């Protein structure tokens, strides 16, 4: 039994945001249809290293693939060591035999599939004419989110803030060159958020960056960064009266931004409108009028990694990329 090994550059050559959006949509539908076995996330936190690692595994019946991803966030890496803050590896196993079929760099898998999630939410929950986007966090995910949102919204202006001000000039240069949008570097989160049609929060923050008073009617909010207990980017008061959509109710009520609102008594679990897969299947509506504030809380699910990585694996085999290795030799 041979296992295919794929490095970062090989994975990068096989990833395309439109294809990843389609794969993540399929993942959300499969989850909503009950075709996914997905145990709780295992997390190891190392506060003395300003780091953490999450292990997300699951099985999807639609492709008969088992996946396991180890994804780390060591937030001093870039400035102290010159390596990415976020690193991950994905393992794929045959659902029939349990054999290890592929080991691939997962950093871009995580980035693309999380960006795709935001784009999918905007397609169903943002106002179609939304052209002004606020990005809180100018890291890789701040880039992936705007790439995905640009596939579904007529974006003209991006207002971006980051606690690390040095990250803003390269973000502006890269996104303007790549997407043809106007990027405005902001001195405060409020400057970025006020007037935006959609707001994306993509930081490892532990206190609110976005206040309810800054959000106007009709805004769509994509909450990306708060994916474990202790993290928070949104004023919990934002959830009161908003249409709340999550990727997984179980995850978002235990470790997402939604958990913060529940813990603070702003909402109850019954106030969650839907899981995004229910909207994709037509079981529940998305945006219903131009005035409602919509929030999409995503903590990231193993099934997103599963279908995205499986598509990369199949493409790699077709194109003859990667190195085959026999572990049982």
Foldseek 3Di string as FASTA:
>chain_A
DKAFEAEDVLLVVLDDLVVLLVLLLVLLQQVVVVQKDWDDKDKDDDVVQCKIWIWTWIAGPVVQKTKIKIKMARPCCCVPPVDDRIWMKMWIAHNVPRHTHYIYTCPVLVLSNLLSVLLLLCLFAADQAFAEEEEEALDSNSVSVVVSVVVRHNHAEYEYEYPPLVSPPVSQVVCCVPPVHHYHYDPASLVRQAPGREYEYADLAQDAREELVRDFFRHEYEYENFQAPRHEHHDLLNLQQAAEEEQDLVRCCHTWNVVVNVVVVRDPSVSHQYYSSCCSVVVGHHDDDRGHYYYYIYNDHNSSSVSSVVSSSVVCVVVVDGDMDDPVD
